[in-house]
Amino acid sequence: MTEPVAQPPATGATQWIEAFARELGVEAPSRDVVERLLAMATVAAHASQRTAAPIACYLVGRAGASLERAAAAADAASRALSPPWPPTTDRSGDDVLG
């Protein structure tokens, strides 16, 4: 069994992101990009389970999508999965509008 790697004390998100970006060989995102990604991740997390947020960010990277496209896609996915409003049936399943 492999021994776990000792973890250093927690660092701030900005420092971790910068170190991670260096390890990946890419430039760290600007403050504006971070804010926009977090906004998109918030939509994903609130429209489903929290685990959707990091996976959504991964998919944005895989797709090479712009932040605008990512935000639009997150909104569209949320709308597609949201129940219609106003509801067309009551809790018993009877059609309210019919």
C-alpha atoms as a PDB file:
ATOM      1  CA  MET A   1       0.000   0.000   0.000  1.00  0.00           C
ATOM      2  CA  THR A   2       1.299   3.453  -0.898  1.00  0.00           C
ATOM      3  CA  GLU A   3       1.773   5.933   1.920  1.00  0.00           C
ATOM      4  CA  PRO A   4      -0.318   9.087   1.557  1.00  0.00           C
ATOM      5  CA  VAL A   5       1.572  12.190   0.552  1.00  0.00           C
ATOM      6  CA  ALA A   6       1.891  14.651   3.411  1.00  0.00           C
ATOM      7  CA  GLN A   7      -0.316  17.641   2.765  1.00  0.00           C
ATOM      8  CA  PRO A   8       1.076  21.103   3.449  1.00  0.00           C
ATOM      9  CA  PRO A   9      -1.086  23.586   5.313  1.00  0.00           C
ATOM     10  CA  ALA A  10      -4.054  24.862   3.305  1.00  0.00           C
ATOM     11  CA  THR A  11      -3.333  27.752   0.969  1.00  0.00           C
ATOM     12  CA  GLY A  12      -5.642  30.282  -0.573  1.00  0.00           C
ATOM     13  CA  ALA A  13      -7.527  29.459  -3.729  1.00  0.00           C
ATOM     14  CA  THR A  14      -5.604  32.009  -5.782  1.00  0.00           C
ATOM     15  CA  GLN A  15      -2.245  30.523  -4.845  1.00  0.00           C
ATOM     16  CA  TRP A  16      -3.462  26.989  -5.522  1.00  0.00           C
ATOM     17  CA  ILE A  17      -4.918  27.935  -8.901  1.00  0.00           C
ATOM     18  CA  GLU A  18      -1.672  29.677  -9.889  1.00  0.00           C
ATOM     19  CA  ALA A  19       0.399  26.638  -8.852  1.00  0.00           C
ATOM     20  CA  PHE A  20      -1.989  24.267 -10.647  1.00  0.00           C
ATOM     21  CA  ALA A  21      -1.842  26.369 -13.806  1.00  0.00           C
ATOM     22  CA  ARG A  22       1.977  26.309 -13.684  1.00  0.00           C
ATOM     23  CA  GLU A  23       1.918  22.522 -13.358  1.00  0.00           C
ATOM     24  CA  LEU A  24      -0.377  22.298 -16.384  1.00  0.00           C
ATOM     25  CA  GLY A  25       1.803  24.686 -18.356  1.00  0.00           C
ATOM     26  CA  VAL A  26      -0.923  27.284 -18.835  1.00  0.00           C
ATOM     27  CA  GLU A  27      -1.516  30.818 -17.654  1.00  0.00           C
ATOM     28  CA  ALA A  28      -3.634  31.200 -14.523  1.00  0.00           C
ATOM     29  CA  PRO A  29      -7.035  32.788 -15.166  1.00  0.00           C
ATOM     30  CA  SER A  30      -7.579  36.471 -14.468  1.00  0.00           C
ATOM     31  CA  ARG A  31      -9.826  37.601 -11.618  1.00  0.00           C
ATOM     32  CA  ASP A  32     -12.569  38.351 -14.183  1.00  0.00           C
ATOM     33  CA  VAL A  33     -12.338  34.858 -15.680  1.00  0.00           C
ATOM     34  CA  VAL A  34     -12.446  33.283 -12.214  1.00  0.00           C
ATOM     35  CA  GLU A  35     -15.577  35.281 -11.348  1.00  0.00           C
ATOM     36  CA  ARG A  36     -17.281  34.274 -14.591  1.00  0.00           C
ATOM     37  CA  LEU A  37     -16.378  30.601 -14.137  1.00  0.00           C
ATOM     38  CA  LEU A  38     -17.672  30.689 -10.583  1.00  0.00           C
ATOM     39  CA  ALA A  39     -20.930  32.210 -11.799  1.00  0.00           C
ATOM     40  CA  MET A  40     -21.325  29.405 -14.347  1.00  0.00           C
ATOM     41  CA  ALA A  41     -20.420  26.788 -11.724  1.00  0.00           C
ATOM     42  CA  THR A  42     -23.018  28.305  -9.393  1.00  0.00           C
ATOM     43  CA  VAL A  43     -25.705  27.747 -12.012  1.00  0.00           C
ATOM     44  CA  ALA A  44     -24.612  24.128 -12.387  1.00  0.00           C
ATOM     45  CA  ALA A  45     -24.496  23.523  -8.643  1.00  0.00           C
ATOM     46  CA  HIS A  46     -27.852  25.142  -7.924  1.00  0.00           C
ATOM     47  CA  ALA A  47     -29.641  23.525 -10.850  1.00  0.00           C
ATOM     48  CA  SER A  48     -28.622  20.023  -9.772  1.00  0.00           C
ATOM     49  CA  GLN A  49     -26.168  18.588  -7.283  1.00  0.00           C
ATOM     50  CA  ARG A  50     -22.980  20.338  -6.228  1.00  0.00           C
ATOM     51  CA  THR A  51     -20.873  17.791  -8.066  1.00  0.00           C
ATOM     52  CA  ALA A  52     -22.128  19.213 -11.348  1.00  0.00           C
ATOM     53  CA  ALA A  53     -20.077  22.398 -10.855  1.00  0.00           C
ATOM     54  CA  PRO A  54     -16.557  20.992 -11.218  1.00  0.00           C
ATOM     55  CA  ILE A  55     -17.631  18.639 -13.985  1.00  0.00           C
ATOM     56  CA  ALA A  56     -19.225  21.568 -15.831  1.00  0.00           C
ATOM     57  CA  CYS A  57     -15.935  23.456 -15.605  1.00  0.00           C
ATOM     58  CA  TYR A  58     -14.104  20.397 -16.926  1.00  0.00           C
ATOM     59  CA  LEU A  59     -16.521  20.202 -19.856  1.00  0.00           C
ATOM     60  CA  VAL A  60     -15.988  23.892 -20.641  1.00  0.00           C
ATOM     61  CA  GLY A  61     -12.270  23.192 -20.920  1.00  0.00           C
ATOM     62  CA  ARG A  62     -12.802  20.061 -23.014  1.00  0.00           C
ATOM     63  CA  ALA A  63     -15.110  21.936 -25.362  1.00  0.00           C
ATOM     64  CA  GLY A  64     -12.791  24.912 -25.594  1.00  0.00           C
ATOM     65  CA  ALA A  65     -15.902  27.012 -25.039  1.00  0.00           C
ATOM     66  CA  SER A  66     -15.793  30.743 -24.411  1.00  0.00           C
ATOM     67  CA  LEU A  67     -17.095  31.960 -21.083  1.00  0.00           C
ATOM     68  CA  GLU A  68     -20.087  33.452 -22.857  1.00  0.00           C
ATOM     69  CA  ARG A  69     -20.886  30.115 -24.509  1.00  0.00           C
ATOM     70  CA  ALA A  70     -20.364  28.276 -21.209  1.00  0.00           C
ATOM     71  CA  ALA A  71     -22.763  30.595 -19.360  1.00  0.00           C
ATOM     72  CA  ALA A  72     -25.363  30.259 -22.105  1.00  0.00           C
ATOM     73  CA  ALA A  73     -25.003  26.469 -22.122  1.00  0.00           C
ATOM     74  CA  ALA A  74     -25.364  26.305 -18.323  1.00  0.00           C
ATOM     75  CA  ASP A  75     -28.520  28.429 -18.478  1.00  0.00           C
ATOM     76  CA  ALA A  76     -29.929  26.348 -21.340  1.00  0.00           C
ATOM     77  CA  ALA A  77     -29.243  23.055 -19.556  1.00  0.00           C
ATOM     78  CA  SER A  78     -30.895  24.384 -16.408  1.00  0.00           C
ATOM     79  CA  ARG A  79     -33.964  25.535 -18.329  1.00  0.00           C
ATOM     80  CA  ALA A  80     -34.205  22.240 -20.206  1.00  0.00           C
ATOM     81  CA  LEU A  81     -34.269  20.293 -16.951  1.00  0.00           C
ATOM     82  CA  SER A  82     -36.542  22.640 -15.000  1.00  0.00           C
ATOM     83  CA  PRO A  83     -40.189  21.727 -14.590  1.00  0.00           C
ATOM     84  CA  PRO A  84     -42.567  23.949 -16.548  1.00  0.00           C
ATOM     85  CA  TRP A  85     -43.930  27.008 -14.793  1.00  0.00           C
ATOM     86  CA  PRO A  86     -46.725  27.475 -14.117  1.00  0.00           C
ATOM     87  CA  PRO A  87     -47.323  23.780 -13.486  1.00  0.00           C
ATOM     88  CA  THR A  88     -49.777  22.118 -15.848  1.00  0.00           C
ATOM     89  CA  THR A  89     -50.829  19.470 -13.318  1.00  0.00           C
ATOM     90  CA  ASP A  90     -51.654  19.593  -9.637  1.00  0.00           C
ATOM     91  CA  ARG A  91     -50.047  17.262  -7.119  1.00  0.00           C
ATOM     92  CA  SER A  92     -52.632  14.561  -7.788  1.00  0.00           C
ATOM     93  CA  GLY A  93     -51.574  14.453 -11.428  1.00  0.00           C
ATOM     94  CA  ASP A  94     -54.831  16.010 -12.670  1.00  0.00           C
ATOM     95  CA  ASP A  95     -54.468  18.534 -15.460  1.00  0.00           C
ATOM     96  CA  VAL A  96     -54.900  22.005 -13.953  1.00  0.00           C
ATOM     97  CA  LEU A  97     -55.282  23.859 -17.219  1.00  0.00           C
ATOM     98  CA  GLY A  98     -57.532  21.378 -18.959  1.00  0.00           C
END
